[in-house]
Each structure stands twice: as structure tokens, then as C-alpha cells.
């Protein structure tokens, strides 16, 4: 178990969808321990494996005194209620913007031993589960901001001490033309 450096905006691993876990072994248990230690050391509410440079579908959370982890998560919103609250990210340190998320979610997956897990979360736990699952898909919370907030966020990031990282935010998808041949 160890505290591992957290990858920052601009590192390709944060934009690459993570691979499903297939081996529930000692290496996975070590990864969960490293994620938990690193999350606690950084003071975060969650941490996904890509944030420490590991492209696997695993994340941890620490919300309301509860520590947990989920492997290969599948998240489903419950109801139509949403929340809009300030959200931050350990991979974009020092910044918070209002982000819209589902108020209630159910997440299913496995624990580090390969046993099925189901987590029901509301408010902060729901936010953390959605945020960390997004990381596993190569999505950052700034991608979820409304158009005005996103433009303001990009301007702030461009002016930040780590200037230039905003260029690593996703551009609109390219238009792919299919040849008639």
C-alpha cells in the first residue's frame, strides 16, 4: 500500500477509457489499497484507477465516513431528480465549478475479491460514484458543465499556472466521411 502521484489534466490516461478488470488477484487488492491511501492523503471523496495511471475500471470513495470501492461498475440513475453543486477533481486541483448530476443512483459491480456489490447513493455519494465512473470512461467533470460554465472553466484553466492543459479537453468529434468505394 502506498500513496501514488495523481495524474493531472493533460495526461492521456485520463482521456482513455479503462479496461475491465478480469483478474481478481493480489495485484487488484494492492491497487484498491493504493487508491484508498492516495485518496485519503489527497483529501478526496473518490479516486479512479486512471488518476494514478492505471487503465482499469476500479474506483474508491470516501463519503460521510464510509470508505468503499467498486470494480467494473455499472451505474443507473434512480428517478429524474438532479443536483447542481460545486464539484472538483483531484486531477484538476484547485478548481470547482457547479456541475449537474443525478441526485440518486444505483451502482453495481464487484469488490476486490470478485464478489457482487450493489451501492445505492444519494447526494454526495451519488455525485462521487458518477464522477469516478466518468473517469473510467475517459470523461472529466468539466465535460459535464453547461456551455457557459464550461467556457468559463476553460478560460480559468488556460490562465492557471499549469497553462495549456485546457488544450487536452475534448474537441467536438471529427466528421468521418465514408468512401463510396
N, C-alpha and C. Protein backbone atom coordinates (compact mmCIF):
# COMPACT_ATOMS: atom_id res chain seq x y z
N UNK A 1 0.84 -1.17 0.00
CA UNK A 1 0.00 0.00 0.00
C UNK A 1 0.88 1.24 0.00
N UNK A 2 0.50 2.17 -0.84
CA UNK A 2 1.30 3.39 -0.90
C UNK A 2 0.50 4.53 -1.51
N UNK A 3 0.98 5.73 -1.22
CA UNK A 3 0.41 6.92 -1.84
C UNK A 3 1.10 7.09 -3.18
N UNK A 4 0.31 7.22 -4.22
CA UNK A 4 0.80 7.27 -5.59
C UNK A 4 0.53 8.66 -6.18
N UNK A 5 1.42 9.19 -6.99
CA UNK A 5 1.15 10.50 -7.61
C UNK A 5 -0.14 10.47 -8.44
N UNK A 6 -0.90 11.55 -8.33
CA UNK A 6 -2.15 11.68 -9.08
C UNK A 6 -1.87 12.35 -10.41
N UNK A 7 -2.37 11.75 -11.47
CA UNK A 7 -2.20 12.29 -12.81
C UNK A 7 -3.07 13.53 -12.97
N UNK A 8 -2.54 14.53 -13.66
CA UNK A 8 -3.23 15.81 -13.84
C UNK A 8 -3.77 15.96 -15.25
N UNK A 9 -4.75 16.84 -15.36
CA UNK A 9 -5.34 17.17 -16.65
C UNK A 9 -4.24 17.34 -17.69
N UNK A 10 -4.41 16.69 -18.81
CA UNK A 10 -3.42 16.75 -19.88
C UNK A 10 -2.74 15.41 -20.09
N UNK A 11 -2.82 14.53 -19.10
CA UNK A 11 -2.20 13.22 -19.26
C UNK A 11 -3.17 12.29 -19.99
N UNK A 12 -2.72 11.64 -21.06
CA UNK A 12 -3.61 10.83 -21.91
C UNK A 12 -4.41 9.76 -21.15
N UNK A 13 -3.87 9.20 -20.09
CA UNK A 13 -4.58 8.15 -19.36
C UNK A 13 -5.93 8.64 -18.83
N UNK A 14 -6.06 9.95 -18.61
CA UNK A 14 -7.32 10.50 -18.11
C UNK A 14 -8.39 10.58 -19.20
N UNK A 15 -7.98 10.49 -20.45
CA UNK A 15 -8.91 10.58 -21.57
C UNK A 15 -9.09 9.23 -22.28
N UNK A 16 -8.52 8.18 -21.72
CA UNK A 16 -8.58 6.86 -22.33
C UNK A 16 -9.55 5.98 -21.54
N UNK A 17 -10.57 5.42 -22.19
CA UNK A 17 -11.47 4.52 -21.45
C UNK A 17 -10.67 3.36 -20.84
N UNK A 18 -11.00 3.05 -19.60
CA UNK A 18 -10.30 1.99 -18.86
C UNK A 18 -10.82 0.61 -19.25
N UNK A 19 -9.95 -0.36 -19.15
CA UNK A 19 -10.29 -1.74 -19.48
C UNK A 19 -10.97 -2.43 -18.28
N UNK A 20 -11.88 -3.34 -18.56
CA UNK A 20 -12.50 -4.09 -17.46
C UNK A 20 -11.46 -4.94 -16.72
N UNK A 21 -11.67 -5.08 -15.44
CA UNK A 21 -10.83 -5.97 -14.62
C UNK A 21 -11.26 -7.40 -14.92
N UNK A 22 -10.29 -8.27 -15.16
CA UNK A 22 -10.59 -9.69 -15.38
C UNK A 22 -9.97 -10.58 -14.32
N UNK A 23 -8.92 -10.09 -13.66
CA UNK A 23 -8.25 -10.88 -12.62
C UNK A 23 -8.48 -10.26 -11.26
N UNK A 24 -9.16 -10.97 -10.40
CA UNK A 24 -9.40 -10.51 -9.03
C UNK A 24 -8.35 -11.17 -8.15
N UNK A 25 -7.16 -10.57 -8.17
CA UNK A 25 -5.99 -11.18 -7.53
C UNK A 25 -5.32 -10.20 -6.57
N UNK A 26 -4.15 -10.59 -6.10
CA UNK A 26 -3.41 -9.75 -5.14
C UNK A 26 -3.06 -8.40 -5.76
N UNK A 27 -2.80 -8.36 -7.04
CA UNK A 27 -2.47 -7.09 -7.71
C UNK A 27 -3.66 -6.13 -7.66
N UNK A 28 -4.87 -6.64 -7.85
CA UNK A 28 -6.07 -5.81 -7.76
C UNK A 28 -6.26 -5.31 -6.32
N UNK A 29 -6.05 -6.18 -5.35
CA UNK A 29 -6.19 -5.76 -3.95
C UNK A 29 -5.16 -4.69 -3.60
N UNK A 30 -3.96 -4.79 -4.15
CA UNK A 30 -2.93 -3.77 -3.94
C UNK A 30 -3.35 -2.45 -4.60
N UNK A 31 -3.94 -2.53 -5.79
CA UNK A 31 -4.42 -1.33 -6.47
C UNK A 31 -5.50 -0.64 -5.64
N UNK A 32 -6.46 -1.40 -5.11
CA UNK A 32 -7.51 -0.81 -4.28
C UNK A 32 -6.90 -0.16 -3.04
N UNK A 33 -5.92 -0.79 -2.43
CA UNK A 33 -5.25 -0.21 -1.26
C UNK A 33 -4.52 1.07 -1.64
N UNK A 34 -3.83 1.08 -2.78
CA UNK A 34 -3.11 2.28 -3.23
C UNK A 34 -4.09 3.42 -3.53
N UNK A 35 -5.21 3.08 -4.17
CA UNK A 35 -6.23 4.10 -4.45
C UNK A 35 -6.77 4.69 -3.15
N UNK A 36 -7.06 3.83 -2.20
CA UNK A 36 -7.61 4.29 -0.92
C UNK A 36 -6.60 5.16 -0.18
N UNK A 37 -5.35 4.73 -0.10
CA UNK A 37 -4.32 5.52 0.59
C UNK A 37 -4.12 6.87 -0.09
N UNK A 38 -4.07 6.85 -1.42
CA UNK A 38 -3.84 8.09 -2.18
C UNK A 38 -5.03 9.03 -2.03
N UNK A 39 -6.25 8.49 -2.09
CA UNK A 39 -7.46 9.30 -1.93
C UNK A 39 -7.46 9.98 -0.55
N UNK A 40 -7.16 9.21 0.49
CA UNK A 40 -7.13 9.79 1.84
C UNK A 40 -6.04 10.86 1.96
N UNK A 41 -4.85 10.58 1.44
CA UNK A 41 -3.74 11.53 1.53
C UNK A 41 -4.07 12.84 0.81
N UNK A 42 -4.83 12.74 -0.29
CA UNK A 42 -5.17 13.93 -1.08
C UNK A 42 -6.43 14.63 -0.57
N UNK A 43 -7.14 13.98 0.35
CA UNK A 43 -8.36 14.58 0.89
C UNK A 43 -9.53 14.54 -0.07
N UNK A 44 -9.59 13.52 -0.92
CA UNK A 44 -10.65 13.43 -1.91
C UNK A 44 -11.83 12.61 -1.45
N UNK A 45 -12.95 12.77 -2.17
CA UNK A 45 -14.16 11.97 -1.92
C UNK A 45 -14.17 10.72 -2.80
N UNK A 46 -13.22 10.62 -3.70
CA UNK A 46 -13.12 9.46 -4.58
C UNK A 46 -11.86 9.53 -5.41
N UNK A 47 -11.49 8.39 -5.96
CA UNK A 47 -10.31 8.32 -6.83
C UNK A 47 -10.46 7.11 -7.74
N UNK A 48 -10.25 7.32 -9.03
CA UNK A 48 -10.34 6.24 -10.02
C UNK A 48 -8.95 5.81 -10.45
N UNK A 49 -8.82 4.55 -10.81
CA UNK A 49 -7.52 4.00 -11.19
C UNK A 49 -6.79 4.81 -12.26
N UNK A 50 -7.48 5.31 -13.32
CA UNK A 50 -6.74 6.11 -14.30
C UNK A 50 -6.07 7.34 -13.70
N UNK A 51 -6.60 7.84 -12.58
CA UNK A 51 -6.00 9.02 -11.94
C UNK A 51 -4.64 8.72 -11.32
N UNK A 52 -4.32 7.44 -11.15
CA UNK A 52 -2.96 7.10 -10.70
C UNK A 52 -2.22 6.32 -11.80
N UNK A 53 -2.74 6.48 -13.03
CA UNK A 53 -2.03 5.94 -14.19
C UNK A 53 -2.34 4.49 -14.51
N UNK A 54 -3.39 3.92 -13.92
CA UNK A 54 -3.74 2.52 -14.17
C UNK A 54 -5.05 2.48 -14.95
N UNK A 55 -5.01 1.95 -16.14
CA UNK A 55 -6.17 1.93 -17.02
C UNK A 55 -7.13 0.78 -16.77
N UNK A 56 -7.57 0.62 -15.53
CA UNK A 56 -8.53 -0.42 -15.18
C UNK A 56 -9.78 0.20 -14.56
N UNK A 57 -10.90 -0.48 -14.69
CA UNK A 57 -12.19 0.02 -14.21
C UNK A 57 -12.37 -0.26 -12.71
N UNK A 58 -11.70 0.57 -11.92
CA UNK A 58 -11.75 0.46 -10.46
C UNK A 58 -11.76 1.87 -9.88
N UNK A 59 -12.58 2.09 -8.84
CA UNK A 59 -12.50 3.35 -8.11
C UNK A 59 -12.82 3.13 -6.64
N UNK A 60 -12.39 4.11 -5.85
CA UNK A 60 -12.67 4.12 -4.42
C UNK A 60 -13.47 5.37 -4.10
N UNK A 61 -14.12 5.38 -2.91
CA UNK A 61 -14.79 6.58 -2.44
C UNK A 61 -14.68 6.67 -0.93
N UNK A 62 -14.80 7.90 -0.46
CA UNK A 62 -14.83 8.18 0.98
C UNK A 62 -15.85 9.30 1.18
N UNK A 63 -17.07 8.92 1.57
CA UNK A 63 -18.17 9.86 1.72
C UNK A 63 -18.88 9.57 3.04
N UNK A 64 -19.11 10.63 3.80
CA UNK A 64 -19.82 10.51 5.09
C UNK A 64 -19.21 9.44 5.98
N UNK A 65 -17.88 9.38 6.00
CA UNK A 65 -17.17 8.45 6.86
C UNK A 65 -17.12 7.02 6.34
N UNK A 66 -17.71 6.76 5.19
CA UNK A 66 -17.72 5.42 4.61
C UNK A 66 -16.69 5.32 3.49
N UNK A 67 -15.85 4.29 3.58
CA UNK A 67 -14.86 4.01 2.54
C UNK A 67 -15.36 2.81 1.75
N UNK A 68 -15.28 2.91 0.43
CA UNK A 68 -15.69 1.78 -0.39
C UNK A 68 -14.94 1.76 -1.70
N UNK A 69 -15.14 0.71 -2.44
CA UNK A 69 -14.55 0.61 -3.78
C UNK A 69 -15.50 -0.19 -4.66
N UNK A 70 -15.33 -0.03 -5.95
CA UNK A 70 -16.16 -0.74 -6.91
C UNK A 70 -15.30 -1.09 -8.12
N UNK A 71 -15.45 -2.31 -8.57
CA UNK A 71 -14.72 -2.82 -9.73
C UNK A 71 -15.74 -3.06 -10.85
N UNK A 72 -15.41 -2.64 -12.06
CA UNK A 72 -16.26 -2.80 -13.23
C UNK A 72 -17.68 -2.29 -12.96
N UNK A 73 -17.82 -1.03 -12.55
CA UNK A 73 -19.13 -0.52 -12.16
C UNK A 73 -20.09 -0.31 -13.32
N UNK A 74 -21.35 -0.46 -13.00
CA UNK A 74 -22.45 -0.12 -13.90
C UNK A 74 -23.36 0.79 -13.08
N UNK A 75 -23.57 2.01 -13.54
CA UNK A 75 -24.33 2.99 -12.76
C UNK A 75 -25.64 3.31 -13.47
N UNK A 76 -26.72 3.33 -12.68
CA UNK A 76 -28.05 3.63 -13.19
C UNK A 76 -28.66 4.75 -12.37
N UNK A 77 -29.13 5.82 -13.02
CA UNK A 77 -29.84 6.87 -12.27
C UNK A 77 -31.16 6.31 -11.73
N UNK A 78 -31.55 6.83 -10.57
CA UNK A 78 -32.84 6.47 -9.98
C UNK A 78 -33.69 7.73 -9.96
N UNK A 79 -34.77 7.73 -10.71
CA UNK A 79 -35.63 8.90 -10.78
C UNK A 79 -35.05 9.97 -11.69
N UNK A 80 -35.77 11.11 -11.71
CA UNK A 80 -35.38 12.22 -12.58
C UNK A 80 -34.75 13.38 -11.83
N UNK A 81 -34.70 13.29 -10.49
CA UNK A 81 -34.17 14.42 -9.72
C UNK A 81 -32.68 14.60 -9.99
N UNK A 82 -32.29 15.88 -10.08
CA UNK A 82 -30.89 16.21 -10.30
C UNK A 82 -30.40 17.14 -9.20
N UNK A 83 -29.12 17.27 -9.12
CA UNK A 83 -28.48 18.20 -8.19
C UNK A 83 -27.46 19.02 -8.99
N UNK A 84 -27.32 20.28 -8.63
CA UNK A 84 -26.30 21.14 -9.22
C UNK A 84 -25.53 21.73 -8.05
N UNK A 85 -24.31 21.28 -7.91
CA UNK A 85 -23.47 21.72 -6.79
C UNK A 85 -22.03 21.84 -7.26
N UNK A 86 -21.21 22.56 -6.49
CA UNK A 86 -19.80 22.66 -6.83
C UNK A 86 -19.14 21.28 -6.84
N UNK A 87 -18.34 21.06 -7.85
CA UNK A 87 -17.63 19.79 -7.98
C UNK A 87 -16.18 20.09 -8.32
N UNK A 88 -15.29 19.30 -7.78
CA UNK A 88 -13.88 19.43 -8.07
C UNK A 88 -13.31 18.08 -8.46
N UNK A 89 -12.01 18.04 -8.70
CA UNK A 89 -11.37 16.80 -9.12
C UNK A 89 -9.91 16.84 -8.69
N UNK A 90 -9.43 15.74 -8.15
CA UNK A 90 -8.03 15.67 -7.74
C UNK A 90 -7.09 15.79 -8.93
N UNK A 91 -7.57 15.53 -10.13
CA UNK A 91 -6.75 15.67 -11.34
C UNK A 91 -6.82 17.07 -11.94
N UNK A 92 -7.65 17.91 -11.36
CA UNK A 92 -7.73 19.33 -11.75
C UNK A 92 -7.73 20.13 -10.44
N UNK A 93 -6.61 20.06 -9.72
CA UNK A 93 -6.58 20.61 -8.36
C UNK A 93 -6.79 22.13 -8.30
N UNK A 94 -7.55 22.53 -7.26
CA UNK A 94 -7.74 23.94 -7.01
C UNK A 94 -8.93 24.56 -7.73
N UNK A 95 -9.67 23.78 -8.48
CA UNK A 95 -10.79 24.31 -9.25
C UNK A 95 -12.07 23.58 -8.88
N UNK A 96 -13.17 24.35 -8.81
CA UNK A 96 -14.51 23.79 -8.57
C UNK A 96 -15.51 24.59 -9.38
N UNK A 97 -16.42 23.88 -10.01
CA UNK A 97 -17.50 24.53 -10.75
C UNK A 97 -18.79 23.76 -10.50
N UNK A 98 -19.91 24.47 -10.62
CA UNK A 98 -21.21 23.83 -10.46
C UNK A 98 -21.42 22.82 -11.58
N UNK A 99 -21.75 21.61 -11.19
CA UNK A 99 -21.92 20.52 -12.15
C UNK A 99 -23.23 19.80 -11.85
N UNK A 100 -23.97 19.51 -12.91
CA UNK A 100 -25.26 18.82 -12.79
C UNK A 100 -25.03 17.31 -12.77
N UNK A 101 -25.62 16.65 -11.78
CA UNK A 101 -25.55 15.18 -11.65
C UNK A 101 -26.92 14.66 -11.22
N UNK A 102 -27.13 13.37 -11.39
CA UNK A 102 -28.33 12.74 -10.86
C UNK A 102 -28.26 12.78 -9.34
N UNK A 103 -29.40 12.96 -8.69
CA UNK A 103 -29.44 13.03 -7.23
C UNK A 103 -29.33 11.65 -6.59
N UNK A 104 -29.86 10.63 -7.26
CA UNK A 104 -29.84 9.27 -6.73
C UNK A 104 -29.34 8.32 -7.83
N UNK A 105 -28.48 7.38 -7.44
CA UNK A 105 -28.00 6.36 -8.38
C UNK A 105 -27.91 5.01 -7.67
N UNK A 106 -27.89 3.97 -8.49
CA UNK A 106 -27.58 2.63 -8.02
C UNK A 106 -26.40 2.17 -8.86
N UNK A 107 -25.38 1.69 -8.18
CA UNK A 107 -24.19 1.18 -8.87
C UNK A 107 -24.01 -0.29 -8.51
N UNK A 108 -23.72 -1.08 -9.51
CA UNK A 108 -23.44 -2.49 -9.27
C UNK A 108 -22.09 -2.81 -9.90
N UNK A 109 -21.46 -3.81 -9.37
CA UNK A 109 -20.15 -4.24 -9.84
C UNK A 109 -19.65 -5.32 -8.91
N UNK A 110 -18.35 -5.29 -8.64
CA UNK A 110 -17.73 -6.31 -7.80
C UNK A 110 -16.78 -5.65 -6.82
N UNK A 111 -16.49 -6.35 -5.75
CA UNK A 111 -15.43 -5.88 -4.85
C UNK A 111 -14.12 -6.50 -5.30
N UNK A 112 -13.05 -6.20 -4.58
CA UNK A 112 -11.72 -6.66 -4.99
C UNK A 112 -11.55 -8.17 -4.92
N UNK A 113 -12.49 -8.87 -4.29
CA UNK A 113 -12.43 -10.33 -4.18
C UNK A 113 -13.31 -11.02 -5.23
N UNK A 114 -13.96 -10.21 -6.09
CA UNK A 114 -14.81 -10.77 -7.13
C UNK A 114 -16.23 -11.06 -6.67
N UNK A 115 -16.61 -10.54 -5.52
CA UNK A 115 -17.97 -10.73 -5.01
C UNK A 115 -18.85 -9.58 -5.51
N UNK A 116 -20.12 -9.89 -5.87
CA UNK A 116 -21.00 -8.83 -6.36
C UNK A 116 -21.29 -7.78 -5.29
N UNK A 117 -21.39 -6.52 -5.75
CA UNK A 117 -21.65 -5.39 -4.86
C UNK A 117 -22.73 -4.52 -5.50
N UNK A 118 -23.61 -4.02 -4.66
CA UNK A 118 -24.64 -3.06 -5.12
C UNK A 118 -24.60 -1.90 -4.13
N UNK A 119 -24.47 -0.68 -4.66
CA UNK A 119 -24.40 0.51 -3.82
C UNK A 119 -25.49 1.47 -4.26
N UNK A 120 -26.29 1.92 -3.30
CA UNK A 120 -27.30 2.93 -3.57
C UNK A 120 -26.80 4.22 -2.95
N UNK A 121 -26.77 5.29 -3.74
CA UNK A 121 -26.24 6.55 -3.23
C UNK A 121 -27.10 7.73 -3.60
N UNK A 122 -27.12 8.70 -2.70
CA UNK A 122 -27.80 9.96 -2.94
C UNK A 122 -26.83 11.09 -2.64
N UNK A 123 -27.12 12.25 -3.21
CA UNK A 123 -26.37 13.47 -2.97
C UNK A 123 -24.87 13.27 -3.19
N UNK A 124 -24.03 13.45 -2.16
CA UNK A 124 -22.58 13.41 -2.36
C UNK A 124 -22.10 12.02 -2.82
N UNK A 125 -22.65 10.95 -2.26
CA UNK A 125 -22.23 9.62 -2.70
C UNK A 125 -22.62 9.40 -4.16
N UNK A 126 -23.82 9.82 -4.54
CA UNK A 126 -24.25 9.70 -5.94
C UNK A 126 -23.31 10.49 -6.84
N UNK A 127 -22.95 11.70 -6.42
CA UNK A 127 -22.04 12.55 -7.19
C UNK A 127 -20.68 11.86 -7.34
N UNK A 128 -20.14 11.34 -6.23
CA UNK A 128 -18.83 10.69 -6.27
C UNK A 128 -18.85 9.47 -7.20
N UNK A 129 -19.89 8.65 -7.11
CA UNK A 129 -19.98 7.46 -7.96
C UNK A 129 -20.03 7.86 -9.43
N UNK A 130 -20.83 8.87 -9.77
CA UNK A 130 -20.92 9.31 -11.16
C UNK A 130 -19.59 9.90 -11.64
N UNK A 131 -18.97 10.72 -10.79
CA UNK A 131 -17.70 11.37 -11.13
C UNK A 131 -16.62 10.32 -11.41
N UNK A 132 -16.49 9.35 -10.50
CA UNK A 132 -15.44 8.33 -10.65
C UNK A 132 -15.73 7.40 -11.82
N UNK A 133 -16.99 7.07 -12.05
CA UNK A 133 -17.33 6.23 -13.20
C UNK A 133 -17.01 6.97 -14.50
N UNK A 134 -17.25 8.28 -14.52
CA UNK A 134 -16.86 9.07 -15.69
C UNK A 134 -15.37 8.93 -15.97
N UNK A 135 -14.54 8.98 -14.91
CA UNK A 135 -13.09 8.82 -15.11
C UNK A 135 -12.79 7.50 -15.82
N UNK A 136 -13.53 6.46 -15.49
CA UNK A 136 -13.28 5.15 -16.10
C UNK A 136 -13.63 5.15 -17.58
N UNK A 137 -14.46 6.12 -17.98
CA UNK A 137 -14.84 6.25 -19.40
C UNK A 137 -14.04 7.32 -20.13
N UNK A 138 -13.04 7.90 -19.46
CA UNK A 138 -12.23 8.95 -20.08
C UNK A 138 -12.91 10.30 -20.10
N UNK A 139 -13.89 10.50 -19.22
CA UNK A 139 -14.66 11.74 -19.16
C UNK A 139 -14.28 12.50 -17.89
N UNK A 140 -14.07 13.81 -18.01
CA UNK A 140 -13.78 14.65 -16.85
C UNK A 140 -15.01 15.49 -16.54
N UNK A 141 -15.14 15.90 -15.28
CA UNK A 141 -16.36 16.60 -14.89
C UNK A 141 -16.55 17.91 -15.66
N UNK A 142 -15.48 18.53 -16.13
CA UNK A 142 -15.65 19.75 -16.92
C UNK A 142 -16.39 19.48 -18.23
N UNK A 143 -16.38 18.23 -18.69
CA UNK A 143 -17.14 17.86 -19.88
C UNK A 143 -18.64 17.91 -19.63
N UNK A 144 -19.03 17.83 -18.37
CA UNK A 144 -20.44 17.79 -17.97
C UNK A 144 -21.01 19.18 -17.68
N UNK A 145 -20.17 20.20 -17.69
CA UNK A 145 -20.64 21.55 -17.38
C UNK A 145 -21.50 22.08 -18.51
N UNK A 146 -22.44 22.99 -18.16
CA UNK A 146 -23.24 23.59 -19.23
C UNK A 146 -22.31 24.49 -20.06
N UNK A 147 -22.79 24.93 -21.19
CA UNK A 147 -21.96 25.64 -22.16
C UNK A 147 -21.28 26.88 -21.58
N UNK A 148 -22.02 27.68 -20.83
CA UNK A 148 -21.46 28.91 -20.25
C UNK A 148 -20.41 28.57 -19.19
N UNK A 149 -20.74 27.64 -18.30
CA UNK A 149 -19.80 27.26 -17.24
C UNK A 149 -18.55 26.61 -17.82
N UNK A 150 -18.73 25.82 -18.87
CA UNK A 150 -17.58 25.16 -19.50
C UNK A 150 -16.64 26.19 -20.12
N UNK A 151 -17.19 27.19 -20.79
CA UNK A 151 -16.35 28.23 -21.39
C UNK A 151 -15.58 28.98 -20.30
N UNK A 152 -16.24 29.28 -19.20
CA UNK A 152 -15.56 29.96 -18.08
C UNK A 152 -14.49 29.06 -17.48
N UNK A 153 -14.78 27.78 -17.34
CA UNK A 153 -13.81 26.83 -16.79
C UNK A 153 -12.58 26.73 -17.69
N UNK A 154 -12.80 26.63 -18.99
CA UNK A 154 -11.67 26.54 -19.92
C UNK A 154 -10.80 27.79 -19.85
N UNK A 155 -11.43 28.95 -19.72
CA UNK A 155 -10.67 30.20 -19.60
C UNK A 155 -9.85 30.20 -18.32
N UNK A 156 -10.44 29.75 -17.22
CA UNK A 156 -9.69 29.68 -15.95
C UNK A 156 -8.54 28.69 -16.05
N UNK A 157 -8.78 27.55 -16.67
CA UNK A 157 -7.71 26.55 -16.80
C UNK A 157 -6.59 27.06 -17.69
N UNK A 158 -6.95 27.80 -18.74
CA UNK A 158 -5.93 28.33 -19.64
C UNK A 158 -5.05 29.36 -18.93
N UNK A 159 -5.63 30.07 -17.98
CA UNK A 159 -4.88 31.09 -17.23
C UNK A 159 -4.18 30.52 -16.00
N UNK A 160 -4.40 29.27 -15.70
CA UNK A 160 -3.83 28.65 -14.50
C UNK A 160 -2.33 28.49 -14.63
N UNK A 161 -1.68 28.20 -13.50
CA UNK A 161 -0.23 28.02 -13.51
C UNK A 161 0.18 26.84 -14.38
N UNK A 162 -0.69 25.90 -14.59
CA UNK A 162 -0.40 24.79 -15.47
C UNK A 162 -1.03 25.05 -16.83
N UNK A 163 -0.89 26.32 -17.27
CA UNK A 163 -1.42 26.83 -18.53
C UNK A 163 -1.16 25.86 -19.68
N UNK A 164 -2.16 25.78 -20.53
CA UNK A 164 -2.03 24.93 -21.71
C UNK A 164 -2.71 23.59 -21.56
N UNK A 165 -3.06 23.21 -20.34
CA UNK A 165 -3.70 21.92 -20.15
C UNK A 165 -5.10 21.89 -20.75
N UNK A 166 -5.74 23.05 -20.90
CA UNK A 166 -7.09 23.08 -21.46
C UNK A 166 -7.11 22.53 -22.88
N UNK A 167 -5.98 22.55 -23.56
CA UNK A 167 -5.95 22.01 -24.92
C UNK A 167 -6.20 20.51 -24.92
N UNK A 168 -6.11 19.87 -23.76
CA UNK A 168 -6.34 18.43 -23.68
C UNK A 168 -7.79 18.08 -23.39
N UNK A 169 -8.65 19.09 -23.28
CA UNK A 169 -10.06 18.82 -23.14
C UNK A 169 -10.58 18.39 -24.50
N UNK A 170 -11.62 17.59 -24.53
CA UNK A 170 -12.05 17.04 -25.82
C UNK A 170 -12.61 18.11 -26.76
N UNK A 171 -12.26 17.95 -28.00
CA UNK A 171 -12.82 18.80 -29.05
C UNK A 171 -14.08 18.13 -29.56
N UNK A 172 -14.89 18.85 -30.32
CA UNK A 172 -16.05 18.18 -30.92
C UNK A 172 -15.57 16.98 -31.75
N UNK A 173 -16.37 15.93 -31.82
CA UNK A 173 -15.92 14.76 -32.59
C UNK A 173 -15.72 15.10 -34.06
N UNK A 174 -14.71 14.49 -34.67
CA UNK A 174 -14.46 14.77 -36.09
C UNK A 174 -15.57 14.20 -36.96
N UNK A 175 -15.76 14.83 -38.11
CA UNK A 175 -16.73 14.32 -39.07
C UNK A 175 -16.03 13.26 -39.89
N UNK A 176 -16.59 12.06 -39.91
CA UNK A 176 -15.99 10.96 -40.64
C UNK A 176 -16.79 10.76 -41.92
N UNK A 177 -16.11 10.82 -43.02
CA UNK A 177 -16.77 10.61 -44.31
C UNK A 177 -16.44 9.20 -44.79
N UNK A 178 -17.45 8.53 -45.25
CA UNK A 178 -17.27 7.17 -45.75
C UNK A 178 -17.13 7.22 -47.26
N UNK A 179 -16.12 6.55 -47.73
CA UNK A 179 -15.89 6.50 -49.17
C UNK A 179 -16.97 5.67 -49.85
N UNK A 180 -17.43 6.12 -51.01
CA UNK A 180 -18.45 5.33 -51.73
C UNK A 180 -17.86 4.08 -52.39
N UNK A 181 -16.55 3.89 -52.31
CA UNK A 181 -15.89 2.79 -52.99
C UNK A 181 -15.81 1.57 -52.13
